[in-house]
Amino acid sequence: MSKAGQDLKEAAARKGSFLGTVKAVAWSFIGIRKGAGYDKDVAQLNPVHVIIAGVIAAAVFVVSLVLLVQWVIGSGVAGS
């Protein structure tokens, strides 16, 4: 097996908590993260958890925006 394949296998075997992953993804959505926190995340988080949490967070963000737009349009604030 190649070095990259072995590294990926080791990264996927990390036992980082899903809650910790969700917190890291939330920080990344906000855009505020210290370098030390980033380094800790890279060393501990499972990349599969990061992908799942990122997709869920993106879906929640899009649904929230759609609901906000529907509420604004329905309330008449944006009306003529």
PDB file of N, CA and C in Angstrom:
ATOM      1  N   MET A   1       0.838  -1.173   0.000  1.00  0.00           N
ATOM      2  CA  MET A   1       0.000   0.000   0.000  1.00  0.00           C
ATOM      3  C   MET A   1       0.886   1.240   0.000  1.00  0.00           C
ATOM      4  N   SER A   2       0.450   2.265  -0.701  1.00  0.00           N
ATOM      5  CA  SER A   2       1.244   3.481  -0.791  1.00  0.00           C
ATOM      6  C   SER A   2       1.193   4.261   0.513  1.00  0.00           C
ATOM      7  N   LYS A   3       2.115   5.183   0.651  1.00  0.00           N
ATOM      8  CA  LYS A   3       2.206   6.012   1.853  1.00  0.00           C
ATOM      9  C   LYS A   3       0.931   6.836   2.038  1.00  0.00           C
ATOM     10  N   ALA A   4       0.415   7.397   0.953  1.00  0.00           N
ATOM     11  CA  ALA A   4      -0.800   8.206   1.046  1.00  0.00           C
ATOM     12  C   ALA A   4      -1.988   7.359   1.469  1.00  0.00           C
ATOM     13  N   GLY A   5      -2.089   6.158   0.947  1.00  0.00           N
ATOM     14  CA  GLY A   5      -3.168   5.259   1.325  1.00  0.00           C
ATOM     15  C   GLY A   5      -3.096   4.870   2.786  1.00  0.00           C
ATOM     16  N   GLN A   6      -1.891   4.643   3.263  1.00  0.00           N
ATOM     17  CA  GLN A   6      -1.689   4.291   4.676  1.00  0.00           C
ATOM     18  C   GLN A   6      -2.036   5.476   5.575  1.00  0.00           C
ATOM     19  N   ASP A   7      -1.628   6.688   5.173  1.00  0.00           N
ATOM     20  CA  ASP A   7      -1.945   7.879   5.953  1.00  0.00           C
ATOM     21  C   ASP A   7      -3.458   8.097   6.038  1.00  0.00           C
ATOM     22  N   LEU A   8      -4.155   7.882   4.937  1.00  0.00           N
ATOM     23  CA  LEU A   8      -5.599   8.039   4.909  1.00  0.00           C
ATOM     24  C   LEU A   8      -6.280   7.016   5.813  1.00  0.00           C
ATOM     25  N   LYS A   9      -5.779   5.804   5.788  1.00  0.00           N
ATOM     26  CA  LYS A   9      -6.335   4.748   6.631  1.00  0.00           C
ATOM     27  C   LYS A   9      -6.139   5.089   8.111  1.00  0.00           C
ATOM     28  N   GLU A  10      -4.968   5.600   8.461  1.00  0.00           N
ATOM     29  CA  GLU A  10      -4.695   5.984   9.843  1.00  0.00           C
ATOM     30  C   GLU A  10      -5.572   7.166  10.264  1.00  0.00           C
ATOM     31  N   ALA A  11      -5.777   8.123   9.375  1.00  0.00           N
ATOM     32  CA  ALA A  11      -6.608   9.282   9.695  1.00  0.00           C
ATOM     33  C   ALA A  11      -8.057   8.867   9.921  1.00  0.00           C
ATOM     34  N   ALA A  12      -8.552   7.937   9.115  1.00  0.00           N
ATOM     35  CA  ALA A  12      -9.935   7.481   9.255  1.00  0.00           C
ATOM     36  C   ALA A  12     -10.134   6.650  10.514  1.00  0.00           C
ATOM     37  N   ALA A  13      -9.070   6.130  11.076  1.00  0.00           N
ATOM     38  CA  ALA A  13      -9.170   5.310  12.281  1.00  0.00           C
ATOM     39  C   ALA A  13      -9.101   6.136  13.563  1.00  0.00           C
ATOM     40  N   ARG A  14      -8.934   7.447  13.448  1.00  0.00           N
ATOM     41  CA  ARG A  14      -8.868   8.302  14.632  1.00  0.00           C
ATOM     42  C   ARG A  14     -10.178   8.232  15.396  1.00  0.00           C
ATOM     43  N   LYS A  15     -10.084   8.381  16.694  1.00  0.00           N
ATOM     44  CA  LYS A  15     -11.245   8.235  17.560  1.00  0.00           C
ATOM     45  C   LYS A  15     -11.778   9.575  18.068  1.00  0.00           C
ATOM     46  N   GLY A  16     -11.585  10.642  17.322  1.00  0.00           N
ATOM     47  CA  GLY A  16     -12.108  11.936  17.740  1.00  0.00           C
ATOM     48  C   GLY A  16     -13.624  11.883  17.866  1.00  0.00           C
ATOM     49  N   SER A  17     -14.164  12.620  18.826  1.00  0.00           N
ATOM     50  CA  SER A  17     -15.608  12.586  19.048  1.00  0.00           C
ATOM     51  C   SER A  17     -16.342  13.352  17.949  1.00  0.00           C
ATOM     52  N   PHE A  18     -17.568  12.911  17.686  1.00  0.00           N
ATOM     53  CA  PHE A  18     -18.357  13.591  16.666  1.00  0.00           C
ATOM     54  C   PHE A  18     -18.751  14.984  17.140  1.00  0.00           C
ATOM     55  N   LEU A  19     -18.996  15.149  18.443  1.00  0.00           N
ATOM     56  CA  LEU A  19     -19.320  16.470  18.988  1.00  0.00           C
ATOM     57  C   LEU A  19     -18.149  17.435  18.797  1.00  0.00           C
ATOM     58  N   GLY A  20     -16.937  16.962  19.031  1.00  0.00           N
ATOM     59  CA  GLY A  20     -15.759  17.791  18.782  1.00  0.00           C
ATOM     60  C   GLY A  20     -15.634  18.177  17.325  1.00  0.00           C
ATOM     61  N   THR A  21     -15.999  17.256  16.456  1.00  0.00           N
ATOM     62  CA  THR A  21     -15.965  17.530  15.027  1.00  0.00           C
ATOM     63  C   THR A  21     -16.993  18.585  14.655  1.00  0.00           C
ATOM     64  N   VAL A  22     -18.194  18.477  15.221  1.00  0.00           N
ATOM     65  CA  VAL A  22     -19.247  19.461  14.946  1.00  0.00           C
ATOM     66  C   VAL A  22     -18.808  20.845  15.410  1.00  0.00           C
ATOM     67  N   LYS A  23     -18.173  20.911  16.582  1.00  0.00           N
ATOM     68  CA  LYS A  23     -17.674  22.193  17.075  1.00  0.00           C
ATOM     69  C   LYS A  23     -16.616  22.771  16.137  1.00  0.00           C
ATOM     70  N   ALA A  24     -15.714  21.931  15.653  1.00  0.00           N
ATOM     71  CA  ALA A  24     -14.668  22.404  14.744  1.00  0.00           C
ATOM     72  C   ALA A  24     -15.270  22.895  13.431  1.00  0.00           C
ATOM     73  N   VAL A  25     -16.273  22.185  12.930  1.00  0.00           N
ATOM     74  CA  VAL A  25     -16.930  22.604  11.686  1.00  0.00           C
ATOM     75  C   VAL A  25     -17.675  23.923  11.909  1.00  0.00           C
ATOM     76  N   ALA A  26     -18.321  24.071  13.067  1.00  0.00           N
ATOM     77  CA  ALA A  26     -19.015  25.325  13.375  1.00  0.00           C
ATOM     78  C   ALA A  26     -18.036  26.493  13.409  1.00  0.00           C
ATOM     79  N   TRP A  27     -16.887  26.288  14.041  1.00  0.00           N
ATOM     80  CA  TRP A  27     -15.865  27.338  14.060  1.00  0.00           C
ATOM     81  C   TRP A  27     -15.414  27.681  12.648  1.00  0.00           C
ATOM     82  N   SER A  28     -15.301  26.677  11.809  1.00  0.00           N
ATOM     83  CA  SER A  28     -14.844  26.942  10.439  1.00  0.00           C
ATOM     84  C   SER A  28     -15.896  27.693   9.637  1.00  0.00           C
ATOM     85  N   PHE A  29     -17.174  27.442   9.903  1.00  0.00           N
ATOM     86  CA  PHE A  29     -18.224  28.191   9.224  1.00  0.00           C
ATOM     87  C   PHE A  29     -18.184  29.655   9.626  1.00  0.00           C
ATOM     88  N   ILE A  30     -17.888  29.916  10.896  1.00  0.00           N
ATOM     89  CA  ILE A  30     -17.798  31.291  11.383  1.00  0.00           C
ATOM     90  C   ILE A  30     -16.522  31.948  10.862  1.00  0.00           C
ATOM     91  N   GLY A  31     -15.469  31.173  10.719  1.00  0.00           N
ATOM     92  CA  GLY A  31     -14.213  31.696  10.191  1.00  0.00           C
ATOM     93  C   GLY A  31     -13.252  32.171  11.251  1.00  0.00           C
ATOM     94  N   ILE A  32     -13.509  31.800  12.496  1.00  0.00           N
ATOM     95  CA  ILE A  32     -12.640  32.212  13.607  1.00  0.00           C
ATOM     96  C   ILE A  32     -12.025  30.954  14.215  1.00  0.00           C
ATOM     97  N   ARG A  33     -10.729  30.837  14.123  1.00  0.00           N
ATOM     98  CA  ARG A  33     -10.051  29.663  14.684  1.00  0.00           C
ATOM     99  C   ARG A  33      -8.590  30.006  14.907  1.00  0.00           C
ATOM    100  N   LYS A  34      -8.097  29.687  16.089  1.00  0.00           N
ATOM    101  CA  LYS A  34      -6.683  29.906  16.393  1.00  0.00           C
ATOM    102  C   LYS A  34      -5.852  28.812  15.744  1.00  0.00           C
ATOM    103  N   GLY A  35      -4.607  29.106  15.462  1.00  0.00           N
ATOM    104  CA  GLY A  35      -3.716  28.133  14.845  1.00  0.00           C
ATOM    105  C   GLY A  35      -3.527  26.883  15.684  1.00  0.00           C
ATOM    106  N   ALA A  36      -3.450  27.061  17.001  1.00  0.00           N
ATOM    107  CA  ALA A  36      -3.268  25.906  17.885  1.00  0.00           C
ATOM    108  C   ALA A  36      -4.496  25.000  17.844  1.00  0.00           C
ATOM    109  N   GLY A  37      -5.682  25.590  17.759  1.00  0.00           N
ATOM    110  CA  GLY A  37      -6.910  24.802  17.662  1.00  0.00           C
ATOM    111  C   GLY A  37      -6.975  24.035  16.359  1.00  0.00           C
ATOM    112  N   TYR A  38      -6.535  24.683  15.284  1.00  0.00           N
ATOM    113  CA  TYR A  38      -6.504  24.016  13.988  1.00  0.00           C
ATOM    114  C   TYR A  38      -5.546  22.830  14.011  1.00  0.00           C
ATOM    115  N   ASP A  39      -4.366  23.030  14.570  1.00  0.00           N
ATOM    116  CA  ASP A  39      -3.381  21.941  14.647  1.00  0.00           C
ATOM    117  C   ASP A  39      -3.911  20.768  15.460  1.00  0.00           C
ATOM    118  N   LYS A  40      -4.612  21.075  16.554  1.00  0.00           N
ATOM    119  CA  LYS A  40      -5.200  20.027  17.381  1.00  0.00           C
ATOM    120  C   LYS A  40      -6.265  19.262  16.593  1.00  0.00           C
ATOM    121  N   ASP A  41      -7.089  19.988  15.844  1.00  0.00           N
ATOM    122  CA  ASP A  41      -8.131  19.353  15.035  1.00  0.00           C
ATOM    123  C   ASP A  41      -7.538  18.426  13.984  1.00  0.00           C
ATOM    124  N   VAL A  42      -6.501  18.886  13.319  1.00  0.00           N
ATOM    125  CA  VAL A  42      -5.874  18.082  12.273  1.00  0.00           C
ATOM    126  C   VAL A  42      -5.321  16.783  12.851  1.00  0.00           C
ATOM    127  N   ALA A  43      -4.815  16.848  14.067  1.00  0.00           N
ATOM    128  CA  ALA A  43      -4.216  15.665  14.682  1.00  0.00           C
ATOM    129  C   ALA A  43      -5.254  14.697  15.248  1.00  0.00           C
ATOM    130  N   GLN A  44      -6.432  15.199  15.620  1.00  0.00           N
ATOM    131  CA  GLN A  44      -7.370  14.345  16.352  1.00  0.00           C
ATOM    132  C   GLN A  44      -8.630  13.960  15.584  1.00  0.00           C
ATOM    133  N   LEU A  45      -9.117  14.810  14.700  1.00  0.00           N
ATOM    134  CA  LEU A  45     -10.427  14.567  14.101  1.00  0.00           C
ATOM    135  C   LEU A  45     -10.376  13.521  12.995  1.00  0.00           C
ATOM    136  N   ASN A  46     -11.453  12.777  12.924  1.00  0.00           N
ATOM    137  CA  ASN A  46     -11.621  11.766  11.879  1.00  0.00           C
ATOM    138  C   ASN A  46     -12.142  12.478  10.626  1.00  0.00           C
ATOM    139  N   PRO A  47     -11.468  12.355   9.485  1.00  0.00           N
ATOM    140  CA  PRO A  47     -11.898  13.074   8.288  1.00  0.00           C
ATOM    141  C   PRO A  47     -13.303  12.675   7.808  1.00  0.00           C
ATOM    142  N   VAL A  48     -13.703  11.441   8.063  1.00  0.00           N
ATOM    143  CA  VAL A  48     -15.049  11.021   7.681  1.00  0.00           C
ATOM    144  C   VAL A  48     -16.079  11.806   8.493  1.00  0.00           C
ATOM    145  N   HIS A  49     -15.816  11.998   9.781  1.00  0.00           N
ATOM    146  CA  HIS A  49     -16.710  12.792  10.624  1.00  0.00           C
ATOM    147  C   HIS A  49     -16.755  14.240  10.149  1.00  0.00           C
ATOM    148  N   VAL A  50     -15.626  14.769   9.729  1.00  0.00           N
ATOM    149  CA  VAL A  50     -15.569  16.150   9.251  1.00  0.00           C
ATOM    150  C   VAL A  50     -16.432  16.317   8.011  1.00  0.00           C
ATOM    151  N   ILE A  51     -16.364  15.376   7.089  1.00  0.00           N
ATOM    152  CA  ILE A  51     -17.163  15.451   5.868  1.00  0.00           C
ATOM    153  C   ILE A  51     -18.652  15.376   6.197  1.00  0.00           C
ATOM    154  N   ILE A  52     -19.033  14.434   7.051  1.00  0.00           N
ATOM    155  CA  ILE A  52     -20.442  14.281   7.416  1.00  0.00           C
ATOM    156  C   ILE A  52     -20.953  15.543   8.122  1.00  0.00           C
ATOM    157  N   ALA A  53     -20.197  16.041   9.090  1.00  0.00           N
ATOM    158  CA  ALA A  53     -20.612  17.246   9.819  1.00  0.00           C
ATOM    159  C   ALA A  53     -20.676  18.455   8.886  1.00  0.00           C
ATOM    160  N   GLY A  54     -19.760  18.550   7.957  1.00  0.00           N
ATOM    161  CA  GLY A  54     -19.772  19.663   7.003  1.00  0.00           C
ATOM    162  C   GLY A  54     -20.979  19.638   6.090  1.00  0.00           C
ATOM    163  N   VAL A  55     -21.346  18.464   5.608  1.00  0.00           N
ATOM    164  CA  VAL A  55     -22.526  18.337   4.741  1.00  0.00           C
ATOM    165  C   VAL A  55     -23.791  18.677   5.531  1.00  0.00           C
ATOM    166  N   ILE A  56     -23.884  18.183   6.759  1.00  0.00           N
ATOM    167  CA  ILE A  56     -25.052  18.486   7.597  1.00  0.00           C
ATOM    168  C   ILE A  56     -25.127  19.990   7.881  1.00  0.00           C
ATOM    169  N   ALA A  57     -24.009  20.596   8.234  1.00  0.00           N
ATOM    170  CA  ALA A  57     -23.987  22.031   8.534  1.00  0.00           C
ATOM    171  C   ALA A  57     -24.362  22.856   7.305  1.00  0.00           C
ATOM    172  N   ALA A  58     -23.878  22.465   6.140  1.00  0.00           N
ATOM    173  CA  ALA A  58     -24.220  23.184   4.908  1.00  0.00           C
ATOM    174  C   ALA A  58     -25.712  23.058   4.613  1.00  0.00           C
ATOM    175  N   ALA A  59     -26.273  21.869   4.810  1.00  0.00           N
ATOM    176  CA  ALA A  59     -27.705  21.662   4.573  1.00  0.00           C
ATOM    177  C   ALA A  59     -28.540  22.502   5.539  1.00  0.00           C
ATOM    178  N   VAL A  60     -28.148  22.533   6.805  1.00  0.00           N
ATOM    179  CA  VAL A  60     -28.868  23.347   7.791  1.00  0.00           C
ATOM    180  C   VAL A  60     -28.776  24.827   7.421  1.00  0.00           C
ATOM    181  N   PHE A  61     -27.629  25.266   6.964  1.00  0.00           N
ATOM    182  CA  PHE A  61     -27.442  26.657   6.561  1.00  0.00           C
ATOM    183  C   PHE A  61     -28.346  27.017   5.385  1.00  0.00           C
ATOM    184  N   VAL A  62     -28.397  26.162   4.377  1.00  0.00           N
ATOM    185  CA  VAL A  62     -29.222  26.427   3.193  1.00  0.00           C
ATOM    186  C   VAL A  62     -30.704  26.435   3.569  1.00  0.00           C
ATOM    187  N   VAL A  63     -31.137  25.459   4.349  1.00  0.00           N
ATOM    188  CA  VAL A  63     -32.541  25.397   4.771  1.00  0.00           C
ATOM    189  C   VAL A  63     -32.891  26.639   5.596  1.00  0.00           C
ATOM    190  N   SER A  64     -31.987  27.077   6.458  1.00  0.00           N
ATOM    191  CA  SER A  64     -32.228  28.281   7.260  1.00  0.00           C
ATOM    192  C   SER A  64     -32.395  29.507   6.370  1.00  0.00           C
ATOM    193  N   LEU A  65     -31.557  29.627   5.364  1.00  0.00           N
ATOM    194  CA  LEU A  65     -31.679  30.764   4.444  1.00  0.00           C
ATOM    195  C   LEU A  65     -32.993  30.726   3.679  1.00  0.00           C
ATOM    196  N   VAL A  66     -33.390  29.557   3.209  1.00  0.00           N
ATOM    197  CA  VAL A  66     -34.652  29.421   2.480  1.00  0.00           C
ATOM    198  C   VAL A  66     -35.822  29.798   3.381  1.00  0.00           C
ATOM    199  N   LEU A  67     -35.823  29.304   4.623  1.00  0.00           N
ATOM    200  CA  LEU A  67     -36.902  29.641   5.551  1.00  0.00           C
ATOM    201  C   LEU A  67     -36.923  31.135   5.875  1.00  0.00           C
ATOM    202  N   LEU A  68     -35.758  31.735   6.028  1.00  0.00           N
ATOM    203  CA  LEU A  68     -35.685  33.176   6.291  1.00  0.00           C
ATOM    204  C   LEU A  68     -36.260  33.971   5.126  1.00  0.00           C
ATOM    205  N   VAL A  69     -35.910  33.606   3.921  1.00  0.00           N
ATOM    206  CA  VAL A  69     -36.425  34.312   2.737  1.00  0.00           C
ATOM    207  C   VAL A  69     -37.933  34.141   2.634  1.00  0.00           C
ATOM    208  N   GLN A  70     -38.429  32.932   2.872  1.00  0.00           N
ATOM    209  CA  GLN A  70     -39.873  32.713   2.822  1.00  0.00           C
ATOM    210  C   GLN A  70     -40.591  33.540   3.888  1.00  0.00           C
ATOM    211  N   TRP A  71     -40.001  33.630   5.077  1.00  0.00           N
ATOM    212  CA  TRP A  71     -40.611  34.418   6.143  1.00  0.00           C
ATOM    213  C   TRP A  71     -40.651  35.905   5.783  1.00  0.00           C
ATOM    214  N   VAL A  72     -39.550  36.416   5.239  1.00  0.00           N
ATOM    215  CA  VAL A  72     -39.490  37.839   4.871  1.00  0.00           C
ATOM    216  C   VAL A  72     -40.499  38.140   3.762  1.00  0.00           C
ATOM    217  N   ILE A  73     -40.577  37.274   2.769  1.00  0.00           N
ATOM    218  CA  ILE A  73     -41.528  37.490   1.669  1.00  0.00           C
ATOM    219  C   ILE A  73     -42.957  37.386   2.181  1.00  0.00           C
ATOM    220  N   GLY A  74     -43.216  36.403   3.027  1.00  0.00           N
ATOM    221  CA  GLY A  74     -44.565  36.198   3.557  1.00  0.00           C
ATOM    222  C   GLY A  74     -45.014  37.291   4.506  1.00  0.00           C
ATOM    223  N   SER A  75     -44.099  37.938   5.184  1.00  0.00           N
ATOM    224  CA  SER A  75     -44.461  38.974   6.152  1.00  0.00           C
ATOM    225  C   SER A  75     -44.810  40.304   5.490  1.00  0.00           C
ATOM    226  N   GLY A  76     -44.487  40.449   4.238  1.00  0.00           N
ATOM    227  CA  GLY A  76     -44.784  41.695   3.530  1.00  0.00           C
ATOM    228  C   GLY A  76     -43.713  42.752   3.669  1.00  0.00           C
ATOM    229  N   VAL A  77     -42.648  42.462   4.395  1.00  0.00           N
ATOM    230  CA  VAL A  77     -41.574  43.433   4.576  1.00  0.00           C
ATOM    231  C   VAL A  77     -40.912  43.752   3.237  1.00  0.00           C
ATOM    232  N   ALA A  78     -40.750  42.728   2.411  1.00  0.00           N
ATOM    233  CA  ALA A  78     -40.068  42.909   1.138  1.00  0.00           C
ATOM    234  C   ALA A  78     -41.059  43.224   0.014  1.00  0.00           C
ATOM    235  N   GLY A  79     -42.310  43.377   0.349  1.00  0.00           N
ATOM    236  CA  GLY A  79     -43.343  43.600  -0.672  1.00  0.00           C
ATOM    237  C   GLY A  79     -43.312  45.002  -1.242  1.00  0.00           C
ATOM    238  N   SER A  80     -44.191  45.229  -2.176  1.00  0.00           N
ATOM    239  CA  SER A  80     -44.245  46.524  -2.853  1.00  0.00           C
ATOM    240  C   SER A  80     -44.990  47.479  -2.060  1.00  0.00           C
TER     241      SER A  80
END
